[in-house]
Amino acid sequence: MDLLFTDVVLPGGLTGAQLAAQAKAICPSLKVLFTTGYARNSIIHHGRLDKGVQLIVKPFSFNELAAKVRDVLDQA
């Protein structure tokens, strides 16, 4: 497993950050890319994500998503 792509807000009370933490506990080298329909500043400043996380804001094109996934996977 190389990459987890998850929304910031998930149904059922679990957040994307919580899901990522659980997945990284199993696979520490896992890279995570979050998505959201909310503005980046809103998500970060309201404590939903830590600064420096990888995020792509909806709506995005397939090409934008592909480029972002490649960028995240290529990071050391």
Protein backbone atom coordinates (compact mmCIF):
# COMPACT_ATOMS: atom_id res chain seq x y z
CA MET A 1 0.00 0.00 0.00
CA ASP A 2 1.51 3.33 -1.07
CA LEU A 3 -1.17 6.00 -0.77
CA LEU A 4 -4.38 6.65 1.13
CA PHE A 5 -6.71 9.13 -0.57
CA THR A 6 -9.47 10.25 1.78
CA ASP A 7 -11.87 13.07 2.38
CA VAL A 8 -11.30 15.24 5.43
CA VAL A 9 -14.89 14.76 6.59
CA LEU A 10 -16.28 11.22 6.60
CA PRO A 11 -19.71 9.92 7.57
CA GLY A 12 -20.18 8.11 10.85
CA GLY A 13 -18.05 10.30 13.10
CA LEU A 14 -14.62 9.18 11.84
CA THR A 15 -12.46 11.90 10.28
CA GLY A 16 -10.01 11.49 7.46
CA ALA A 17 -7.21 12.37 9.88
CA GLN A 18 -8.30 9.58 12.24
CA LEU A 19 -8.50 7.12 9.35
CA ALA A 20 -5.02 8.17 8.23
CA ALA A 21 -3.61 7.72 11.75
CA GLN A 22 -5.08 4.21 11.97
CA ALA A 23 -3.74 3.28 8.53
CA LYS A 24 -0.29 4.70 9.30
CA ALA A 25 -0.19 2.65 12.51
CA ILE A 26 -0.40 -0.44 10.28
CA CYS A 27 1.81 0.92 7.50
CA PRO A 28 4.06 3.75 8.76
CA SER A 29 5.45 4.55 5.32
CA LEU A 30 1.97 5.19 3.94
CA LYS A 31 1.53 8.55 2.25
CA VAL A 32 -1.76 10.37 2.65
CA LEU A 33 -3.60 12.76 0.37
CA PHE A 34 -6.70 14.46 1.70
CA THR A 35 -9.49 16.05 -0.28
CA THR A 36 -12.26 18.41 0.75
CA GLY A 37 -14.91 20.66 -0.66
CA TYR A 38 -14.03 23.29 1.94
CA ALA A 39 -11.42 25.97 1.39
CA ARG A 40 -7.90 24.97 2.43
CA ASN A 41 -7.57 27.84 4.92
CA SER A 42 -10.88 26.95 6.56
CA ILE A 43 -9.86 23.33 7.06
CA ILE A 44 -6.40 24.11 8.41
CA HIS A 45 -7.34 27.04 10.62
CA HIS A 46 -10.23 25.22 12.25
CA GLY A 47 -7.95 22.42 13.40
CA ARG A 48 -9.26 19.73 11.08
CA LEU A 49 -5.82 19.09 9.54
CA ASP A 50 -2.29 19.76 10.66
CA LYS A 51 -0.24 22.25 8.70
CA GLY A 52 1.86 20.67 6.01
CA VAL A 53 -0.59 17.92 5.09
CA GLN A 54 -1.16 17.10 1.45
CA LEU A 55 -4.55 18.41 0.33
CA ILE A 56 -6.41 18.80 -2.95
CA VAL A 57 -9.55 20.94 -2.88
CA LYS A 58 -12.69 19.94 -4.77
CA PRO A 59 -13.58 20.35 -7.50
CA PHE A 60 -10.47 19.12 -9.27
CA SER A 61 -9.86 17.69 -12.71
CA PHE A 62 -8.51 14.23 -13.36
CA ASN A 63 -5.23 15.78 -14.53
CA GLU A 64 -4.94 17.85 -11.33
CA LEU A 65 -5.59 14.76 -9.22
CA ALA A 66 -3.10 12.68 -11.19
CA ALA A 67 -0.43 15.38 -10.81
CA LYS A 68 -1.07 15.71 -7.08
CA VAL A 69 -0.96 11.94 -6.53
CA ARG A 70 2.32 11.75 -8.46
CA ASP A 71 3.71 14.65 -6.37
CA VAL A 72 2.75 12.98 -3.09
CA LEU A 73 4.14 9.60 -4.14
CA ASP A 74 7.42 11.17 -5.29
CA GLN A 75 8.07 12.90 -1.97
CA ALA A 76 10.80 11.36 0.16
